[in-house]
N, C-alpha and C. Protein backbone atom coordinates (compact mmCIF):
# COMPACT_ATOMS: atom_id res chain seq x y z
N MET A 1 -7.40 14.51 6.84
CA MET A 1 -6.56 13.71 6.85
C MET A 1 -6.61 12.19 6.76
N LYS A 2 -7.45 12.08 7.66
CA LYS A 2 -8.03 11.09 6.89
C LYS A 2 -8.18 10.05 5.99
N THR A 3 -8.62 10.76 5.71
CA THR A 3 -9.10 11.03 3.79
C THR A 3 -7.59 10.02 3.04
N LEU A 4 -7.04 11.43 3.30
CA LEU A 4 -5.34 10.76 3.22
C LEU A 4 -4.82 10.19 3.46
N ASN A 5 -4.98 8.89 4.31
CA ASN A 5 -4.73 7.84 4.60
C ASN A 5 -4.97 6.84 4.80
N LEU A 6 -6.79 6.73 4.05
CA LEU A 6 -7.26 6.14 3.81
C LEU A 6 -7.25 5.57 2.24
N LEU A 7 -7.03 7.06 1.11
CA LEU A 7 -6.23 6.95 0.01
C LEU A 7 -5.12 6.07 -1.02
N THR A 8 -3.63 6.72 0.65
CA THR A 8 -2.39 5.37 0.42
C THR A 8 -2.90 4.57 0.67
N LEU A 9 -3.30 4.31 1.91
CA LEU A 9 -3.42 3.12 2.03
C LEU A 9 -4.12 1.83 1.06
N LEU A 10 -4.67 2.34 0.26
CA LEU A 10 -4.88 1.42 -0.86
C LEU A 10 -4.76 1.84 -1.65
N ILE A 11 -4.02 3.31 -1.76
CA ILE A 11 -2.77 1.60 -3.39
C ILE A 11 -1.78 1.80 -2.86
N VAL A 12 -0.92 1.57 -1.15
CA VAL A 12 -0.35 0.72 -0.97
C VAL A 12 -0.69 -1.42 -1.21
N ILE A 13 -2.45 -1.34 -1.85
CA ILE A 13 -2.72 -2.46 -0.24
C ILE A 13 -2.95 -2.58 -2.82
N VAL A 14 -3.22 -1.94 -3.37
CA VAL A 14 -3.22 -2.26 -4.23
C VAL A 14 -2.12 -2.76 -5.04
N GLY A 15 -0.71 -1.35 -4.58
CA GLY A 15 0.93 -2.13 -5.40
C GLY A 15 1.13 -3.39 -4.26
N GLY A 16 0.79 -4.17 -3.37
CA GLY A 16 0.64 -5.32 -2.47
C GLY A 16 0.14 -6.76 -3.71
N VAL A 17 -1.07 -6.27 -4.22
CA VAL A 17 -1.56 -7.17 -4.49
C VAL A 17 -0.53 -7.31 -5.50
N ASN A 18 -0.23 -6.53 -6.76
CA ASN A 18 0.49 -6.69 -7.83
C ASN A 18 1.64 -7.60 -7.53
N TRP A 19 2.69 -6.95 -6.40
CA TRP A 19 3.75 -7.54 -6.33
C TRP A 19 3.02 -9.24 -5.89
N GLY A 20 2.91 -9.64 -5.17
CA GLY A 20 1.81 -10.80 -4.85
C GLY A 20 1.67 -11.10 -6.57
N LEU A 21 1.23 -11.05 -6.84
CA LEU A 21 0.20 -11.15 -8.84
C LEU A 21 2.46 -12.06 -9.52
N VAL A 22 3.26 -10.95 -8.89
CA VAL A 22 3.98 -10.32 -10.20
C VAL A 22 5.50 -12.43 -9.38
N GLY A 23 4.68 -12.34 -8.09
CA GLY A 23 6.12 -13.11 -7.57
C GLY A 23 5.98 -14.57 -7.70
N LEU A 24 4.34 -15.21 -7.83
CA LEU A 24 3.55 -15.88 -7.42
C LEU A 24 3.04 -16.14 -9.21
N PHE A 25 3.08 -15.60 -9.59
CA PHE A 25 2.41 -15.84 -11.52
C PHE A 25 3.33 -15.15 -12.95
N ASP A 26 4.28 -13.94 -12.12
CA ASP A 26 5.28 -13.11 -13.17
C ASP A 26 4.67 -12.29 -13.66
N PHE A 27 3.04 -11.89 -13.28
CA PHE A 27 2.15 -11.36 -13.77
C PHE A 27 1.96 -9.73 -12.64
N ASN A 28 2.62 -9.05 -14.14
CA ASN A 28 2.62 -7.35 -13.14
C ASN A 28 1.55 -6.73 -13.47
N LEU A 29 -0.28 -6.59 -12.74
CA LEU A 29 -0.76 -5.41 -12.99
C LEU A 29 -1.42 -4.44 -13.91
N VAL A 30 -0.24 -3.74 -13.23
CA VAL A 30 -0.21 -2.50 -13.81
C VAL A 30 0.36 -2.52 -15.15
N ALA A 31 1.63 -2.92 -15.42
CA ALA A 31 2.06 -3.26 -16.58
C ALA A 31 1.05 -3.79 -17.67
N ALA A 32 0.37 -4.45 -17.30
CA ALA A 32 -0.69 -4.89 -18.63
C ALA A 32 -1.94 -4.51 -18.56
N ILE A 33 -2.61 -3.23 -17.77
CA ILE A 33 -3.02 -2.27 -17.87
C ILE A 33 -2.74 -0.96 -18.78
N PHE A 34 -1.52 -0.43 -17.98
CA PHE A 34 -1.07 1.11 -18.87
C PHE A 34 0.22 0.56 -19.57
N GLY A 35 0.63 -0.18 -19.64
CA GLY A 35 1.78 -0.75 -20.77
C GLY A 35 2.95 -1.16 -20.00
N ALA A 36 3.81 -1.28 -20.09
CA ALA A 36 5.42 -1.51 -19.44
C ALA A 36 6.23 -0.25 -19.91
N GLY A 37 6.59 0.20 -19.15
CA GLY A 37 7.79 1.02 -19.15
C GLY A 37 7.01 2.72 -19.62
N THR A 38 5.85 2.73 -19.54
CA THR A 38 5.19 3.74 -19.39
C THR A 38 5.02 4.54 -17.89
N VAL A 39 4.63 6.01 -19.71
CA VAL A 39 4.63 6.82 -17.87
C VAL A 39 3.61 7.37 -17.11
N VAL A 40 2.59 6.80 -17.56
CA VAL A 40 1.95 6.45 -16.47
C VAL A 40 1.59 5.03 -15.49
N THR A 41 2.32 3.72 -15.91
CA THR A 41 2.96 2.87 -15.34
C THR A 41 4.22 3.41 -14.20
N ARG A 42 4.58 4.61 -14.56
CA ARG A 42 6.10 5.09 -13.32
C ARG A 42 4.78 5.53 -12.16
N ILE A 43 4.25 6.35 -13.76
CA ILE A 43 3.07 7.93 -12.36
C ILE A 43 3.21 5.75 -11.14
N VAL A 44 2.03 5.29 -11.56
CA VAL A 44 1.73 4.28 -10.53
C VAL A 44 3.19 3.96 -9.91
N TYR A 45 3.70 3.02 -10.05
CA TYR A 45 4.97 3.31 -8.86
C TYR A 45 5.77 3.77 -8.32
N VAL A 46 5.64 5.47 -8.48
CA VAL A 46 5.72 5.82 -7.92
C VAL A 46 4.69 6.87 -6.59
N LEU A 47 3.16 6.43 -7.18
CA LEU A 47 2.39 6.82 -6.17
C LEU A 47 2.36 5.90 -5.67
N VAL A 48 2.94 4.56 -6.03
CA VAL A 48 2.50 3.07 -4.04
C VAL A 48 4.32 3.64 -3.47
N GLY A 49 4.74 3.90 -4.44
CA GLY A 49 5.80 4.56 -3.71
C GLY A 49 6.08 5.42 -1.85
N LEU A 50 5.56 6.51 -2.73
CA LEU A 50 5.63 7.25 -1.75
C LEU A 50 3.75 7.27 -0.67
N SER A 51 3.10 6.65 -1.18
CA SER A 51 1.67 6.00 -0.43
C SER A 51 2.54 4.67 0.82
N ALA A 52 3.83 3.62 0.67
CA ALA A 52 4.34 3.80 1.50
C ALA A 52 4.26 4.31 2.36
N LEU A 53 5.94 4.87 1.71
CA LEU A 53 6.34 6.38 2.68
C LEU A 53 5.20 6.85 3.79
N TYR A 54 4.26 6.99 2.91
CA TYR A 54 3.28 8.72 3.50
C TYR A 54 2.79 7.08 5.69
N GLN A 55 2.38 5.39 4.44
CA GLN A 55 1.82 4.61 5.83
C GLN A 55 3.10 4.47 6.82
N ILE A 56 3.43 5.53 7.34
CA ILE A 56 4.94 4.82 7.91
C ILE A 56 4.65 5.68 9.10
N TYR A 57 3.72 6.92 8.80
CA TYR A 57 3.05 8.06 9.28
C TYR A 57 1.97 7.26 10.60
N PRO A 58 0.99 7.27 9.71
CA PRO A 58 -0.28 6.05 10.79
C PRO A 58 0.58 5.12 11.83
N PHE A 59 1.51 4.56 11.02
CA PHE A 59 1.51 2.91 11.08
C PHE A 59 2.74 3.74 12.99
N SER A 60 3.36 4.07 12.42
CA SER A 60 3.97 4.69 13.67
C SER A 60 2.83 5.48 15.26
N LEU A 61 2.15 5.89 14.41
CA LEU A 61 1.05 6.18 15.70
C LEU A 61 0.74 5.57 16.44
N ALA A 62 0.27 4.94 14.87
CA ALA A 62 -0.40 2.59 15.87
C ALA A 62 0.20 2.67 16.52
N THR A 63 1.73 2.40 16.62
CA THR A 63 2.84 1.98 17.50
C THR A 63 2.49 2.65 18.65
N ARG A 64 2.49 3.85 18.98
CA ARG A 64 2.95 4.12 19.63
C ARG A 64 1.98 4.23 21.04
N ILE A 65 0.36 3.94 19.99
CA ILE A 65 -0.64 4.06 21.89
C ILE A 65 -1.11 2.58 21.55
N ASP A 66 -0.24 1.76 20.33
CA ASP A 66 -0.62 0.39 21.25
C ASP A 66 -1.91 -0.36 20.18
N GLU A 67 -2.16 0.67 19.77
CA GLU A 67 -3.05 -0.08 18.78
C GLU A 67 -3.42 -1.39 17.90
N ALA A 68 -1.83 -1.42 17.49
CA ALA A 68 -1.39 -1.62 16.25
C ALA A 68 -1.96 -3.20 17.39
N PRO A 69 -1.12 -4.14 18.31
CA PRO A 69 -1.23 -4.76 19.35
C PRO A 69 -2.44 -5.07 19.90
N ALA A 70 -3.22 -4.38 19.50
CA ALA A 70 -5.06 -4.38 20.61
C ALA A 70 -5.63 -4.93 18.62
N GLU A 71 -5.46 -4.83 18.25
CA GLU A 71 -5.52 -5.25 16.97
C GLU A 71 -5.01 -6.41 16.23
N ALA A 72 -4.25 -6.76 16.84
CA ALA A 72 -3.59 -8.34 16.83
C ALA A 72 -4.32 -8.87 17.49
N ALA A 73 -5.06 -9.02 18.74
CA ALA A 73 -5.70 -9.27 19.67
C ALA A 73 -7.23 -9.93 19.30
N GLY A 74 -7.20 -8.88 18.50
CA GLY A 74 -8.89 -9.58 17.39
C GLY A 74 -9.36 -7.95 17.92
N GLY A 75 -9.62 -6.69 18.44
CA GLY A 75 -9.32 -6.27 19.16
C GLY A 75 -10.64 -6.82 20.85
N ARG A 76 -10.11 -7.34 21.51
CA ARG A 76 -11.08 -7.58 22.37
C ARG A 76 -10.64 -6.24 23.58
N ARG A 77 -11.24 -6.21 24.34
CA ARG A 77 -10.29 -5.05 25.85
C ARG A 77 -11.28 -5.62 26.63
């Protein structure tokens, strides 16, 4: 489960960086690497979306155990 969480988190980060590049510079890194509108590009987008949906679960667990507020405070106990 930890491996899946880390993998999906990494994919979400890559997707977020790509959207940042699109917003700031109108540059789509995924399309630049795999080609605009290709099957591989669409698979990457689907994986990013599924990873984001999966990350809702660990996020909800973190908010239940107050992990998110602890991280916001810099990890001080």
